[in-house]
Amino acid sequence: MADIAEKIHTAIESWQSCTGGKISEQGKQIIVSAVRAIVYDPHPGWRLPSGMEPWPTLEEALAEVQRDAISKIGPALDQIAAKAPDGKTVNTFAMLHSFHDILQVWCPFRKD
């Protein structure tokens, strides 16, 4: 699990250094928790969508979706920061308010 947290923190730090963006410590913790939860606490209604046949199990699909989510941290933070008054700061509540829209676009699982 620590390896995943390190990858997430690296993605956040990369976004900050490339954009000059800022994210609160609590915001970082939310991202780590959300991305970890893809594998360790998945939504009970998630089902493998058609077209994900390379993964014979939901667990393998979840691991791949988690890796993909880490790669999308920067673009997600760009979206959230764009709504901030200074265009660079991501705080906890801006993140929470934005998650729904981001997840609707990026989540590959059907919810039954």
Protein backbone atom coordinates (compact mmCIF):
# COMPACT_ATOMS: atom_id res chain seq x y z
CA MET A 1 0.00 0.00 0.00
CA ALA A 2 2.87 2.38 0.70
CA ASP A 3 4.02 2.01 -2.90
CA ILE A 4 0.65 3.31 -4.14
CA ALA A 5 0.79 6.27 -1.74
CA GLU A 6 4.29 7.11 -2.99
CA LYS A 7 3.12 7.01 -6.62
CA ILE A 8 0.19 9.27 -5.77
CA HIS A 9 2.40 11.75 -3.90
CA THR A 10 4.83 11.75 -6.83
CA ALA A 11 1.99 12.57 -9.24
CA ILE A 12 0.81 15.40 -6.98
CA GLU A 13 4.34 16.80 -6.59
CA SER A 14 4.84 16.63 -10.35
CA TRP A 15 1.63 18.60 -10.90
CA GLN A 16 2.70 21.20 -8.36
CA SER A 17 6.16 21.67 -9.85
CA CYS A 18 4.89 21.77 -13.47
CA THR A 19 2.02 24.18 -12.83
CA GLY A 20 2.99 26.13 -9.73
CA GLY A 21 -0.25 24.81 -8.27
CA LYS A 22 -0.87 24.35 -4.59
CA ILE A 23 -2.84 21.65 -2.80
CA SER A 24 -3.59 21.44 0.90
CA GLU A 25 -2.30 18.56 2.99
CA GLN A 26 -5.89 17.46 3.58
CA GLY A 27 -6.49 17.53 -0.17
CA LYS A 28 -3.51 15.24 -0.69
CA GLN A 29 -4.88 12.84 1.92
CA ILE A 30 -8.24 12.74 0.14
CA ILE A 31 -6.59 11.85 -3.16
CA VAL A 32 -4.54 9.08 -1.54
CA SER A 33 -7.65 7.68 0.16
CA ALA A 34 -9.77 7.84 -2.98
CA VAL A 35 -7.20 6.19 -5.24
CA ARG A 36 -6.38 3.50 -2.67
CA ALA A 37 -10.09 2.78 -2.30
CA ILE A 38 -10.36 1.75 -5.96
CA VAL A 39 -8.68 -1.54 -5.01
CA TYR A 40 -9.13 -1.79 -1.25
CA ASP A 41 -12.71 -0.53 -0.85
CA PRO A 42 -14.40 -0.69 -4.27
CA HIS A 43 -18.03 0.22 -4.84
CA PRO A 44 -20.08 -2.95 -4.34
CA GLY A 45 -22.02 -2.31 -7.55
CA TRP A 46 -19.01 -2.13 -9.88
CA ARG A 47 -19.05 -4.71 -12.67
CA LEU A 48 -16.58 -5.33 -15.46
CA PRO A 49 -17.85 -3.46 -18.51
CA SER A 50 -17.78 -5.11 -21.89
CA GLY A 51 -14.52 -4.31 -23.61
CA MET A 52 -12.41 -4.98 -20.52
CA GLU A 53 -11.79 -8.59 -21.46
CA PRO A 54 -8.01 -8.39 -21.04
CA TRP A 55 -8.72 -8.71 -17.31
CA PRO A 56 -10.25 -12.02 -16.36
CA THR A 57 -11.17 -10.76 -12.88
CA LEU A 58 -12.59 -7.62 -11.37
CA GLU A 59 -9.55 -7.45 -9.05
CA GLU A 60 -7.17 -7.20 -12.01
CA ALA A 61 -9.37 -4.55 -13.60
CA LEU A 62 -9.40 -2.57 -10.34
CA ALA A 63 -5.60 -2.61 -10.18
CA GLU A 64 -5.42 -1.32 -13.77
CA VAL A 65 -8.04 1.36 -13.08
CA GLN A 66 -6.03 2.42 -10.02
CA ARG A 67 -2.88 2.80 -12.13
CA ASP A 68 -4.87 4.78 -14.70
CA ALA A 69 -6.30 7.01 -11.95
CA ILE A 70 -2.79 7.86 -10.77
CA SER A 71 -1.90 8.94 -14.30
CA LYS A 72 -4.95 11.25 -14.33
CA ILE A 73 -4.21 13.06 -11.07
CA GLY A 74 -2.55 16.00 -12.85
CA PRO A 75 -5.44 16.62 -15.28
CA ALA A 76 -7.95 16.26 -12.42
CA LEU A 77 -6.05 18.83 -10.35
CA ASP A 78 -5.93 21.12 -13.40
CA GLN A 79 -9.74 20.95 -13.61
CA ILE A 80 -10.18 21.70 -9.92
CA ALA A 81 -7.56 24.47 -9.80
CA ALA A 82 -9.09 26.16 -12.86
CA LYS A 83 -12.16 26.95 -10.73
CA ALA A 84 -10.11 28.58 -7.95
CA PRO A 85 -9.97 32.38 -7.81
CA ASP A 86 -6.21 32.29 -8.45
CA GLY A 87 -6.40 29.35 -10.89
CA LYS A 88 -3.78 27.42 -8.90
CA THR A 89 -5.02 26.49 -5.45
CA VAL A 90 -6.82 23.24 -4.67
CA ASN A 91 -8.40 23.03 -1.26
CA THR A 92 -10.36 20.21 0.32
CA PHE A 93 -13.83 21.53 -0.41
CA ALA A 94 -13.09 22.50 -4.00
CA MET A 95 -11.84 18.95 -4.47
CA LEU A 96 -14.86 17.35 -2.85
CA HIS A 97 -17.26 19.45 -4.92
CA SER A 98 -15.43 18.52 -8.12
CA PHE A 99 -15.08 14.78 -7.55
CA HIS A 100 -18.55 13.86 -8.77
CA ASP A 101 -18.06 15.44 -12.19
CA ILE A 102 -14.57 13.98 -12.55
CA LEU A 103 -15.69 10.49 -11.56
CA GLN A 104 -18.68 10.56 -13.92
CA VAL A 105 -16.31 11.16 -16.85
CA TRP A 106 -13.43 8.87 -15.86
CA CYS A 107 -14.96 5.90 -14.04
CA PRO A 108 -14.99 2.91 -16.43
CA PHE A 109 -17.28 0.69 -14.35
CA ARG A 110 -20.98 0.15 -14.77
CA LYS A 111 -22.90 0.58 -11.57
CA ASP A 112 -25.80 -1.85 -11.15
